PDB file of N, CA and C in Angstrom:
ATOM      1  N   MET A   1     -88.228  44.719 -87.442  1.00  0.00           N
ATOM      2  CA  MET A   1     -89.602  45.017 -87.788  1.00  0.00           C
ATOM      3  C   MET A   1     -89.820  44.851 -89.290  1.00  0.00           C
ATOM      4  N   HIS A   2     -88.902  45.345 -90.083  1.00  0.00           N
ATOM      5  CA  HIS A   2     -89.118  45.313 -91.531  1.00  0.00           C
ATOM      6  C   HIS A   2     -89.023  43.916 -92.108  1.00  0.00           C
ATOM      7  N   LEU A   3     -88.498  42.954 -91.373  1.00  0.00           N
ATOM      8  CA  LEU A   3     -88.380  41.595 -91.897  1.00  0.00           C
ATOM      9  C   LEU A   3     -89.733  40.988 -92.231  1.00  0.00           C
ATOM     10  N   ARG A   4     -90.763  41.354 -91.493  1.00  0.00           N
ATOM     11  CA  ARG A   4     -92.084  40.787 -91.773  1.00  0.00           C
ATOM     12  C   ARG A   4     -92.586  41.213 -93.143  1.00  0.00           C
ATOM     13  N   TYR A   5     -92.108  42.348 -93.651  1.00  0.00           N
ATOM     14  CA  TYR A   5     -92.509  42.801 -94.980  1.00  0.00           C
ATOM     15  C   TYR A   5     -91.669  42.139 -96.070  1.00  0.00           C
ATOM     16  N   ILE A   6     -90.456  41.762 -95.743  1.00  0.00           N
ATOM     17  CA  ILE A   6     -89.532  41.235 -96.732  1.00  0.00           C
ATOM     18  C   ILE A   6     -89.784  39.758 -97.019  1.00  0.00           C
ATOM     19  N   LEU A   7     -90.143  39.002 -96.014  1.00  0.00           N
ATOM     20  CA  LEU A   7     -90.344  37.574 -96.193  1.00  0.00           C
ATOM     21  C   LEU A   7     -91.389  37.314 -97.273  1.00  0.00           C
ATOM     22  N   GLY A   8     -91.009  36.509 -98.253  1.00  0.00           N
ATOM     23  CA  GLY A   8     -91.969  36.137 -99.288  1.00  0.00           C
ATOM     24  C   GLY A   8     -92.093  37.129-100.422  1.00  0.00           C
ATOM     25  N   MET A   9     -91.263  38.148-100.470  1.00  0.00           N
ATOM     26  CA  MET A   9     -91.340  39.092-101.580  1.00  0.00           C
ATOM     27  C   MET A   9     -89.942  39.449-102.057  1.00  0.00           C
ATOM     28  N   LYS A  10     -89.861  39.903-103.271  1.00  0.00           N
ATOM     29  CA  LYS A  10     -88.584  40.361-103.793  1.00  0.00           C
ATOM     30  C   LYS A  10     -88.227  41.678-103.118  1.00  0.00           C
ATOM     31  N   THR A  11     -86.944  41.901-102.956  1.00  0.00           N
ATOM     32  CA  THR A  11     -86.515  43.134-102.310  1.00  0.00           C
ATOM     33  C   THR A  11     -85.836  44.040-103.324  1.00  0.00           C
ATOM     34  N   SER A  12     -85.654  45.250-102.922  1.00  0.00           N
ATOM     35  CA  SER A  12     -84.959  46.243-103.722  1.00  0.00           C
ATOM     36  C   SER A  12     -84.040  47.004-102.781  1.00  0.00           C
ATOM     37  N   THR A  13     -83.151  47.789-103.328  1.00  0.00           N
ATOM     38  CA  THR A  13     -82.236  48.544-102.470  1.00  0.00           C
ATOM     39  C   THR A  13     -82.576  50.021-102.522  1.00  0.00           C
ATOM     40  N   LEU A  14     -82.240  50.709-101.450  1.00  0.00           N
ATOM     41  CA  LEU A  14     -82.323  52.159-101.425  1.00  0.00           C
ATOM     42  C   LEU A  14     -80.988  52.697-101.922  1.00  0.00           C
ATOM     43  N   PRO A  15     -80.978  53.915-102.417  1.00  0.00           N
ATOM     44  CA  PRO A  15     -79.699  54.481-102.846  1.00  0.00           C
ATOM     45  C   PRO A  15     -78.728  54.572-101.664  1.00  0.00           C
ATOM     46  N   PRO A  16     -77.447  54.405-101.936  1.00  0.00           N
ATOM     47  CA  PRO A  16     -76.477  54.567-100.847  1.00  0.00           C
ATOM     48  C   PRO A  16     -76.530  55.992-100.315  1.00  0.00           C
ATOM     49  N   LEU A  17     -76.290  56.131 -99.048  1.00  0.00           N
ATOM     50  CA  LEU A  17     -76.359  57.444 -98.415  1.00  0.00           C
ATOM     51  C   LEU A  17     -74.976  57.914 -98.010  1.00  0.00           C
ATOM     52  N   ARG A  18     -74.685  59.153 -98.291  1.00  0.00           N
ATOM     53  CA  ARG A  18     -73.458  59.768 -97.806  1.00  0.00           C
ATOM     54  C   ARG A  18     -73.870  60.725 -96.691  1.00  0.00           C
ATOM     55  N   VAL A  19     -73.346  60.489 -95.515  1.00  0.00           N
ATOM     56  CA  VAL A  19     -73.669  61.336 -94.371  1.00  0.00           C
ATOM     57  C   VAL A  19     -72.374  61.737 -93.664  1.00  0.00           C
ATOM     58  N   GLU A  20     -72.477  62.767 -92.874  1.00  0.00           N
ATOM     59  CA  GLU A  20     -71.323  63.193 -92.085  1.00  0.00           C
ATOM     60  C   GLU A  20     -71.029  62.122 -91.040  1.00  0.00           C
ATOM     61  N   PRO A  21     -69.763  61.915 -90.734  1.00  0.00           N
ATOM     62  CA  PRO A  21     -69.408  60.915 -89.723  1.00  0.00           C
ATOM     63  C   PRO A  21     -70.123  61.145 -88.395  1.00  0.00           C
ATOM     64  N   ARG A  22     -70.362  62.401 -88.047  1.00  0.00           N
ATOM     65  CA  ARG A  22     -71.053  62.727 -86.797  1.00  0.00           C
ATOM     66  C   ARG A  22     -72.456  62.138 -86.771  1.00  0.00           C
ATOM     67  N   LEU A  23     -73.194  62.245 -87.888  1.00  0.00           N
ATOM     68  CA  LEU A  23     -74.554  61.705 -87.954  1.00  0.00           C
ATOM     69  C   LEU A  23     -74.539  60.185 -87.849  1.00  0.00           C
ATOM     70  N   ARG A  24     -73.606  59.554 -88.554  1.00  0.00           N
ATOM     71  CA  ARG A  24     -73.507  58.093 -88.481  1.00  0.00           C
ATOM     72  C   ARG A  24     -73.208  57.648 -87.053  1.00  0.00           C
ATOM     73  N   ALA A  25     -72.286  58.337 -86.386  1.00  0.00           N
ATOM     74  CA  ALA A  25     -71.940  57.988 -85.005  1.00  0.00           C
ATOM     75  C   ALA A  25     -73.134  58.164 -84.082  1.00  0.00           C
ATOM     76  N   LEU A  26     -73.889  59.243 -84.260  1.00  0.00           N
ATOM     77  CA  LEU A  26     -75.084  59.466 -83.437  1.00  0.00           C
ATOM     78  C   LEU A  26     -76.104  58.357 -83.651  1.00  0.00           C
ATOM     79  N   ALA A  27     -76.324  57.990 -84.903  1.00  0.00           N
ATOM     80  CA  ALA A  27     -77.284  56.925 -85.211  1.00  0.00           C
ATOM     81  C   ALA A  27     -76.826  55.610 -84.589  1.00  0.00           C
ATOM     82  N   GLN A  28     -75.548  55.310 -84.698  1.00  0.00           N
ATOM     83  CA  GLN A  28     -75.049  54.050 -84.145  1.00  0.00           C
ATOM     84  C   GLN A  28     -75.176  54.007 -82.624  1.00  0.00           C
ATOM     85  N   ARG A  29     -75.034  55.152 -81.985  1.00  0.00           N
ATOM     86  CA  ARG A  29     -75.192  55.193 -80.521  1.00  0.00           C
ATOM     87  C   ARG A  29     -76.637  54.941 -80.095  1.00  0.00           C
ATOM     88  N   LEU A  30     -77.567  55.210 -80.977  1.00  0.00           N
ATOM     89  CA  LEU A  30     -78.986  55.037 -80.648  1.00  0.00           C
ATOM     90  C   LEU A  30     -79.517  53.633 -80.941  1.00  0.00           C
ATOM     91  N   LEU A  31     -78.702  52.806 -81.559  1.00  0.00           N
ATOM     92  CA  LEU A  31     -79.156  51.458 -81.892  1.00  0.00           C
ATOM     93  C   LEU A  31     -79.477  50.672 -80.627  1.00  0.00           C
ATOM     94  N   ARG A  32     -80.536  49.904 -80.707  1.00  0.00           N
ATOM     95  CA  ARG A  32     -80.926  49.037 -79.595  1.00  0.00           C
ATOM     96  C   ARG A  32     -80.273  47.677 -79.768  1.00  0.00           C
ATOM     97  N   GLU A  33     -80.334  46.885 -78.732  1.00  0.00           N
ATOM     98  CA  GLU A  33     -79.708  45.573 -78.775  1.00  0.00           C
ATOM     99  C   GLU A  33     -80.259  44.760 -79.950  1.00  0.00           C
ATOM    100  N   GLY A  34     -79.357  44.206 -80.756  1.00  0.00           N
ATOM    101  CA  GLY A  34     -79.750  43.390 -81.892  1.00  0.00           C
ATOM    102  C   GLY A  34     -80.134  44.180 -83.133  1.00  0.00           C
ATOM    103  N   GLU A  35     -80.179  45.491 -83.035  1.00  0.00           N
ATOM    104  CA  GLU A  35     -80.571  46.326 -84.166  1.00  0.00           C
ATOM    105  C   GLU A  35     -79.320  46.699 -84.974  1.00  0.00           C
ATOM    106  N   THR A  36     -79.462  46.685 -86.285  1.00  0.00           N
ATOM    107  CA  THR A  36     -78.364  47.091 -87.150  1.00  0.00           C
ATOM    108  C   THR A  36     -78.634  48.484 -87.689  1.00  0.00           C
ATOM    109  N   LEU A  37     -77.591  49.107 -88.180  1.00  0.00           N
ATOM    110  CA  LEU A  37     -77.764  50.422 -88.782  1.00  0.00           C
ATOM    111  C   LEU A  37     -78.695  50.334 -89.991  1.00  0.00           C
ATOM    112  N   SER A  38     -78.586  49.249 -90.746  1.00  0.00           N
ATOM    113  CA  SER A  38     -79.471  49.062 -91.910  1.00  0.00           C
ATOM    114  C   SER A  38     -80.935  48.958 -91.488  1.00  0.00           C
ATOM    115  N   SER A  39     -81.216  48.180 -90.440  1.00  0.00           N
ATOM    116  CA  SER A  39     -82.614  48.046 -90.004  1.00  0.00           C
ATOM    117  C   SER A  39     -83.130  49.364 -89.435  1.00  0.00           C
ATOM    118  N   PHE A  40     -82.249  50.118 -88.773  1.00  0.00           N
ATOM    119  CA  PHE A  40     -82.613  51.436 -88.248  1.00  0.00           C
ATOM    120  C   PHE A  40     -83.013  52.357 -89.406  1.00  0.00           C
ATOM    121  N   ILE A  41     -82.238  52.334 -90.469  1.00  0.00           N
ATOM    122  CA  ILE A  41     -82.520  53.189 -91.622  1.00  0.00           C
ATOM    123  C   ILE A  41     -83.820  52.771 -92.298  1.00  0.00           C
ATOM    124  N   VAL A  42     -84.040  51.468 -92.458  1.00  0.00           N
ATOM    125  CA  VAL A  42     -85.282  50.991 -93.072  1.00  0.00           C
ATOM    126  C   VAL A  42     -86.483  51.412 -92.229  1.00  0.00           C
ATOM    127  N   ASP A  43     -86.379  51.256 -90.909  1.00  0.00           N
ATOM    128  CA  ASP A  43     -87.478  51.673 -90.029  1.00  0.00           C
ATOM    129  C   ASP A  43     -87.739  53.172 -90.160  1.00  0.00           C
ATOM    130  N   ALA A  44     -86.663  53.961 -90.251  1.00  0.00           N
ATOM    131  CA  ALA A  44     -86.815  55.412 -90.391  1.00  0.00           C
ATOM    132  C   ALA A  44     -87.507  55.762 -91.708  1.00  0.00           C
ATOM    133  N   VAL A  45     -87.130  55.082 -92.772  1.00  0.00           N
ATOM    134  CA  VAL A  45     -87.755  55.341 -94.079  1.00  0.00           C
ATOM    135  C   VAL A  45     -89.225  54.935 -94.031  1.00  0.00           C
ATOM    136  N   GLU A  46     -89.528  53.773 -93.440  1.00  0.00           N
ATOM    137  CA  GLU A  46     -90.929  53.336 -93.340  1.00  0.00           C
ATOM    138  C   GLU A  46     -91.760  54.358 -92.565  1.00  0.00           C
ATOM    139  N   GLU A  47     -91.227  54.847 -91.467  1.00  0.00           N
ATOM    140  CA  GLU A  47     -91.957  55.827 -90.650  1.00  0.00           C
ATOM    141  C   GLU A  47     -92.182  57.119 -91.429  1.00  0.00           C
ATOM    142  N   ARG A  48     -91.176  57.563 -92.164  1.00  0.00           N
ATOM    143  CA  ARG A  48     -91.308  58.799 -92.939  1.00  0.00           C
ATOM    144  C   ARG A  48     -92.307  58.621 -94.075  1.00  0.00           C
ATOM    145  N   VAL A  49     -92.330  57.448 -94.684  1.00  0.00           N
ATOM    146  CA  VAL A  49     -93.301  57.165 -95.746  1.00  0.00           C
ATOM    147  C   VAL A  49     -94.720  57.238 -95.182  1.00  0.00           C
ATOM    148  N   ARG A  50     -94.934  56.617 -94.004  1.00  0.00           N
ATOM    149  CA  ARG A  50     -96.263  56.684 -93.363  1.00  0.00           C
ATOM    150  C   ARG A  50     -96.634  58.125 -93.044  1.00  0.00           C
ATOM    151  N   SER A  51     -95.681  58.862 -92.499  1.00  0.00           N
ATOM    152  CA  SER A  51     -95.926  60.251 -92.137  1.00  0.00           C
ATOM    153  C   SER A  51     -96.275  61.088 -93.360  1.00  0.00           C
ATOM    154  N   ARG A  52     -95.545  60.894 -94.437  1.00  0.00           N
ATOM    155  CA  ARG A  52     -95.802  61.654 -95.662  1.00  0.00           C
ATOM    156  C   ARG A  52     -97.168  61.311 -96.235  1.00  0.00           C
ATOM    157  N   ALA A  53     -97.578  60.047 -96.173  1.00  0.00           N
ATOM    158  CA  ALA A  53     -98.895  59.647 -96.672  1.00  0.00           C
ATOM    159  C   ALA A  53    -100.000  60.319 -95.863  1.00  0.00           C
ATOM    160  N   ILE A  54     -99.829  60.355 -94.543  1.00  0.00           N
ATOM    161  CA  ILE A  54    -100.813  61.020 -93.674  1.00  0.00           C
ATOM    162  C   ILE A  54    -100.870  62.507 -93.997  1.00  0.00           C
ATOM    163  N   GLU A  55     -99.704  63.115 -94.177  1.00  0.00           N
ATOM    164  CA  GLU A  55     -99.631  64.536 -94.521  1.00  0.00           C
ATOM    165  C   GLU A  55    -100.325  64.808 -95.850  1.00  0.00           C
ATOM    166  N   ASN A  56    -100.081  63.963 -96.840  1.00  0.00           N
ATOM    167  CA  ASN A  56    -100.717  64.143 -98.152  1.00  0.00           C
ATOM    168  C   ASN A  56    -102.234  64.027 -98.059  1.00  0.00           C
ATOM    169  N   GLU A  57    -102.727  63.080 -97.274  1.00  0.00           N
ATOM    170  CA  GLU A  57    -104.179  62.934 -97.092  1.00  0.00           C
ATOM    171  C   GLU A  57    -104.765  64.158 -96.401  1.00  0.00           C
ATOM    172  N   PHE A  58    -104.060  64.686 -95.412  1.00  0.00           N
ATOM    173  CA  PHE A  58    -104.505  65.887 -94.703  1.00  0.00           C
ATOM    174  C   PHE A  58    -104.634  67.056 -95.683  1.00  0.00           C
ATOM    175  N   ILE A  59    -103.630  67.243 -96.510  1.00  0.00           N
ATOM    176  CA  ILE A  59    -103.659  68.327 -97.489  1.00  0.00           C
ATOM    177  C   ILE A  59    -104.795  68.117 -98.483  1.00  0.00           C
ATOM    178  N   LYS A  60    -104.970  66.878 -98.927  1.00  0.00           N
ATOM    179  CA  LYS A  60    -106.042  66.560 -99.875  1.00  0.00           C
ATOM    180  C   LYS A  60    -107.412  66.899 -99.283  1.00  0.00           C
ATOM    181  N   ARG A  61    -107.623  66.511 -98.002  1.00  0.00           N
ATOM    182  CA  ARG A  61    -108.904  66.826 -97.352  1.00  0.00           C
ATOM    183  C   ARG A  61    -109.084  68.334 -97.198  1.00  0.00           C
ATOM    184  N   GLY A  62    -108.015  69.036 -96.863  1.00  0.00           N
ATOM    185  CA  GLY A  62    -108.098  70.491 -96.713  1.00  0.00           C
ATOM    186  C   GLY A  62    -108.447  71.181 -98.018  1.00  0.00           C
ATOM    187  N   LEU A  63    -107.807  70.755 -99.096  1.00  0.00           N
ATOM    188  CA  LEU A  63    -108.110  71.346-100.399  1.00  0.00           C
ATOM    189  C   LEU A  63    -109.547  71.052-100.822  1.00  0.00           C
ATOM    190  N   ALA A  64    -110.010  69.834-100.565  1.00  0.00           N
ATOM    191  CA  ALA A  64    -111.387  69.477-100.895  1.00  0.00           C
ATOM    192  C   ALA A  64    -112.369  70.300-100.070  1.00  0.00           C
ATOM    193  N   SER A  65    -112.051  70.511 -98.814  1.00  0.00           N
ATOM    194  CA  SER A  65    -112.912  71.310 -97.943  1.00  0.00           C
ATOM    195  C   SER A  65    -112.976  72.757 -98.432  1.00  0.00           C
ATOM    196  N   GLY A  66    -111.832  73.290 -98.832  1.00  0.00           N
ATOM    197  CA  GLY A  66    -111.806  74.658 -99.360  1.00  0.00           C
ATOM    198  C   GLY A  66    -112.619  74.787-100.631  1.00  0.00           C
ATOM    199  N   GLU A  67    -112.494  73.791-101.498  1.00  0.00           N
ATOM    200  CA  GLU A  67    -113.264  73.798-102.747  1.00  0.00           C
ATOM    201  C   GLU A  67    -114.762  73.722-102.457  1.00  0.00           C
ATOM    202  N   LYS A  68    -115.141  72.892-101.497  1.00  0.00           N
ATOM    203  CA  LYS A  68    -116.559  72.772-101.123  1.00  0.00           C
ATOM    204  C   LYS A  68    -117.070  74.106-100.577  1.00  0.00           C
ATOM    205  N   ALA A  69    -116.260  74.758 -99.738  1.00  0.00           N
ATOM    206  CA  ALA A  69    -116.670  76.052 -99.175  1.00  0.00           C
ATOM    207  C   ALA A  69    -116.855  77.082-100.287  1.00  0.00           C
ATOM    208  N   ARG A  70    -115.939  77.100-101.250  1.00  0.00           N
ATOM    209  CA  ARG A  70    -116.078  78.043-102.369  1.00  0.00           C
ATOM    210  C   ARG A  70    -117.322  77.735-103.204  1.00  0.00           C
ATOM    211  N   ARG A  71    -117.565  76.460-103.419  1.00  0.00           N
ATOM    212  CA  ARG A  71    -118.699  76.052-104.258  1.00  0.00           C
ATOM    213  C   ARG A  71    -120.031  76.452-103.620  1.00  0.00           C
ATOM    214  N   PHE A  72    -120.148  76.260-102.309  1.00  0.00           N
ATOM    215  CA  PHE A  72    -121.418  76.545-101.632  1.00  0.00           C
ATOM    216  C   PHE A  72    -121.440  77.898-100.941  1.00  0.00           C
ATOM    217  N   GLY A  73    -120.302  78.577-100.923  1.00  0.00           N
ATOM    218  CA  GLY A  73    -120.243  79.898-100.300  1.00  0.00           C
ATOM    219  C   GLY A  73    -120.385  79.862 -98.794  1.00  0.00           C
ATOM    220  N   LYS A  74    -120.083  78.736 -98.177  1.00  0.00           N
ATOM    221  CA  LYS A  74    -120.186  78.613 -96.720  1.00  0.00           C
ATOM    222  C   LYS A  74    -118.786  78.577 -96.124  1.00  0.00           C
ATOM    223  N   TYR A  75    -118.480  79.598 -95.358  1.00  0.00           N
ATOM    224  CA  TYR A  75    -117.179  79.702 -94.716  1.00  0.00           C
ATOM    225  C   TYR A  75    -117.369  79.852 -93.210  1.00  0.00           C
ATOM    226  N   VAL A  76    -116.424  79.366 -92.452  1.00  0.00           N
ATOM    227  CA  VAL A  76    -116.428  79.552 -91.004  1.00  0.00           C
ATOM    228  C   VAL A  76    -115.284  80.499 -90.695  1.00  0.00           C
ATOM    229  N   PRO A  77    -115.577  81.610 -90.032  1.00  0.00           N
ATOM    230  CA  PRO A  77    -114.507  82.560 -89.715  1.00  0.00           C
ATOM    231  C   PRO A  77    -113.418  81.903 -88.855  1.00  0.00           C
ATOM    232  N   ALA A  78    -112.180  82.267 -89.124  1.00  0.00           N
ATOM    233  CA  ALA A  78    -111.045  81.704 -88.391  1.00  0.00           C
ATOM    234  C   ALA A  78    -111.199  81.927 -86.890  1.00  0.00           C
ATOM    235  N   ALA A  79    -111.711  83.079 -86.497  1.00  0.00           N
ATOM    236  CA  ALA A  79    -111.879  83.375 -85.072  1.00  0.00           C
ATOM    237  C   ALA A  79    -112.823  82.367 -84.410  1.00  0.00           C
ATOM    238  N   SER A  80    -113.855  81.932 -85.124  1.00  0.00           N
ATOM    239  CA  SER A  80    -114.784  80.945 -84.569  1.00  0.00           C
ATOM    240  C   SER A  80    -114.108  79.591 -84.410  1.00  0.00           C
ATOM    241  N   VAL A  81    -113.300  79.228 -85.396  1.00  0.00           N
ATOM    242  CA  VAL A  81    -112.588  77.954 -85.326  1.00  0.00           C
ATOM    243  C   VAL A  81    -111.615  77.966 -84.158  1.00  0.00           C
ATOM    244  N   VAL A  82    -110.840  79.037 -84.028  1.00  0.00           N
ATOM    245  CA  VAL A  82    -109.865  79.149 -82.942  1.00  0.00           C
ATOM    246  C   VAL A  82    -110.571  79.142 -81.585  1.00  0.00           C
ATOM    247  N   ALA A  83    -111.684  79.829 -81.477  1.00  0.00           N
ATOM    248  CA  ALA A  83    -112.426  79.847 -80.210  1.00  0.00           C
ATOM    249  C   ALA A  83    -112.904  78.446 -79.852  1.00  0.00           C
ATOM    250  N   GLY A  84    -113.394  77.716 -80.834  1.00  0.00           N
ATOM    251  CA  GLY A  84    -113.834  76.349 -80.586  1.00  0.00           C
ATOM    252  C   GLY A  84    -112.686  75.452 -80.158  1.00  0.00           C
ATOM    253  N   LEU A  85    -111.550  75.603 -80.795  1.00  0.00           N
ATOM    254  CA  LEU A  85    -110.371  74.816 -80.419  1.00  0.00           C
ATOM    255  C   LEU A  85    -109.910  75.165 -78.998  1.00  0.00           C
ATOM    256  N   ARG A  86    -109.976  76.438 -78.651  1.00  0.00           N
ATOM    257  CA  ARG A  86    -109.597  76.842 -77.282  1.00  0.00           C
ATOM    258  C   ARG A  86    -110.531  76.219 -76.247  1.00  0.00           C
ATOM    259  N   ARG A  87    -111.829  76.180 -76.562  1.00  0.00           N
ATOM    260  CA  ARG A  87    -112.783  75.558 -75.637  1.00  0.00           C
ATOM    261  C   ARG A  87    -112.462  74.074 -75.461  1.00  0.00           C
ATOM    262  N   ARG A  88    -112.177  73.400 -76.557  1.00  0.00           N
ATOM    263  CA  ARG A  88    -111.830  71.971 -76.483  1.00  0.00           C
ATOM    264  C   ARG A  88    -110.560  71.767 -75.663  1.00  0.00           C
ATOM    265  N   LEU A  89    -109.573  72.618 -75.867  1.00  0.00           N
ATOM    266  CA  LEU A  89    -108.318  72.512 -75.128  1.00  0.00           C
ATOM    267  C   LEU A  89    -108.552  72.755 -73.640  1.00  0.00           C
ATOM    268  N   ASP A  90    -109.352  73.749 -73.323  1.00  0.00           N
ATOM    269  CA  ASP A  90    -109.660  74.031 -71.913  1.00  0.00           C
ATOM    270  C   ASP A  90    -110.350  72.845 -71.250  1.00  0.00           C
ATOM    271  N   ARG A  91    -111.330  72.251 -71.948  1.00  0.00           N
ATOM    272  CA  ARG A  91    -112.025  71.080 -71.395  1.00  0.00           C
ATOM    273  C   ARG A  91    -111.051  69.918 -71.195  1.00  0.00           C
ATOM    274  N   ALA A  92    -110.178  69.704 -72.154  1.00  0.00           N
ATOM    275  CA  ALA A  92    -109.202  68.612 -72.053  1.00  0.00           C
ATOM    276  C   ALA A  92    -108.246  68.852 -70.898  1.00  0.00           C
ATOM    277  N   ARG A  93    -107.811  70.076 -70.725  1.00  0.00           N
ATOM    278  CA  ARG A  93    -106.910  70.400 -69.610  1.00  0.00           C
ATOM    279  C   ARG A  93    -107.598  70.182 -68.267  1.00  0.00           C
ATOM    280  N   LYS A  94    -108.848  70.599 -68.171  1.00  0.00           N
ATOM    281  CA  LYS A  94    -109.596  70.408 -66.923  1.00  0.00           C
ATOM    282  C   LYS A  94    -109.788  68.927 -66.627  1.00  0.00           C
ATOM    283  N   ALA A  95    -110.109  68.163 -67.658  1.00  0.00           N
ATOM    284  CA  ALA A  95    -110.294  66.723 -67.477  1.00  0.00           C
ATOM    285  C   ALA A  95    -108.984  66.066 -67.050  1.00  0.00           C
ATOM    286  N   ALA A  96    -107.875  66.477 -67.660  1.00  0.00           N
ATOM    287  CA  ALA A  96    -106.571  65.907 -67.311  1.00  0.00           C
ATOM    288  C   ALA A  96    -106.180  66.287 -65.887  1.00  0.00           C
ATOM    289  N   ALA A  97    -106.466  67.513 -65.490  1.00  0.00           N
ATOM    290  CA  ALA A  97    -106.155  67.961 -64.129  1.00  0.00           C
ATOM    291  C   ALA A  97    -107.000  67.202 -63.118  1.00  0.00           C
ATOM    292  N   GLY A  98    -108.244  66.922 -63.467  1.00  0.00           N
ATOM    293  CA  GLY A  98    -109.120  66.164 -62.579  1.00  0.00           C
ATOM    294  C   GLY A  98    -108.645  64.740 -62.394  1.00  0.00           C
ATOM    295  N   LYS A  99    -108.150  64.128 -63.445  1.00  0.00           N
ATOM    296  CA  LYS A  99    -107.638  62.757 -63.359  1.00  0.00           C
ATOM    297  C   LYS A  99    -106.340  62.712 -62.572  1.00  0.00           C
ATOM    298  N   ALA A 100    -105.485  63.694 -62.778  1.00  0.00           N
ATOM    299  CA  ALA A 100    -104.173  63.691 -62.126  1.00  0.00           C
ATOM    300  C   ALA A 100    -104.301  63.970 -60.635  1.00  0.00           C
ATOM    301  N   GLY A 101    -105.188  64.859 -60.257  1.00  0.00           N
ATOM    302  CA  GLY A 101    -105.286  65.233 -58.852  1.00  0.00           C
ATOM    303  C   GLY A 101    -106.399  64.557 -58.094  1.00  0.00           C
ATOM    304  N   GLY A 102    -107.294  63.910 -58.788  1.00  0.00           N
ATOM    305  CA  GLY A 102    -108.482  63.381 -58.141  1.00  0.00           C
ATOM    306  C   GLY A 102    -108.311  62.064 -57.431  1.00  0.00           C
ATOM    307  N   LYS A 103    -107.627  61.122 -58.031  1.00  0.00           N
ATOM    308  CA  LYS A 103    -107.555  59.783 -57.457  1.00  0.00           C
ATOM    309  C   LYS A 103    -106.121  59.444 -57.106  1.00  0.00           C
ATOM    310  N   ARG A 104    -105.941  59.001 -55.868  1.00  0.00           N
ATOM    311  CA  ARG A 104    -104.622  58.557 -55.435  1.00  0.00           C
ATOM    312  C   ARG A 104    -104.753  57.138 -54.941  1.00  0.00           C
ATOM    313  N   PRO A 105    -103.719  56.355 -55.153  1.00  0.00           N
ATOM    314  CA  PRO A 105    -103.785  54.966 -54.674  1.00  0.00           C
ATOM    315  C   PRO A 105    -103.870  54.913 -53.149  1.00  0.00           C
ATOM    316  N   ARG A 106    -104.628  53.950 -52.659  1.00  0.00           N
ATOM    317  CA  ARG A 106    -104.775  53.777 -51.207  1.00  0.00           C
ATOM    318  C   ARG A 106    -103.523  53.155 -50.612  1.00  0.00           C
ATOM    319  N   ALA A 107    -103.171  53.599 -49.418  1.00  0.00           N
ATOM    320  CA  ALA A 107    -102.038  52.999 -48.713  1.00  0.00           C
ATOM    321  C   ALA A 107    -102.481  51.664 -48.146  1.00  0.00           C
ATOM    322  N   ARG A 108    -101.603  50.670 -48.152  1.00  0.00           N
ATOM    323  CA  ARG A 108    -101.978  49.350 -47.635  1.00  0.00           C
ATOM    324  C   ARG A 108    -101.372  49.084 -46.305  1.00  0.00           C
TER     325      ARG A 108
END
């Protein structure tokens, strides 16, 4: 997967990693056909970078929302937020139960 990013650009190296032999063995057992330990590590780093960026954006939006609430003095009580989330979860569960139990394939 990471080869599409490397083609046509200069590359750099990650620092060497020292890990317990047990972790290396576990990682090697999880490799898929044609996958190398190096490509597995690069994919893991790419995924963690994406995850961290999403997390940072989430925190940034939360802090901005808190600042806006303080500035305008408009707050939503936690109990109201939780109640709304529970209603959404209940609706989603009902919809999922309806899909799972409602339609069955016809016998031929």
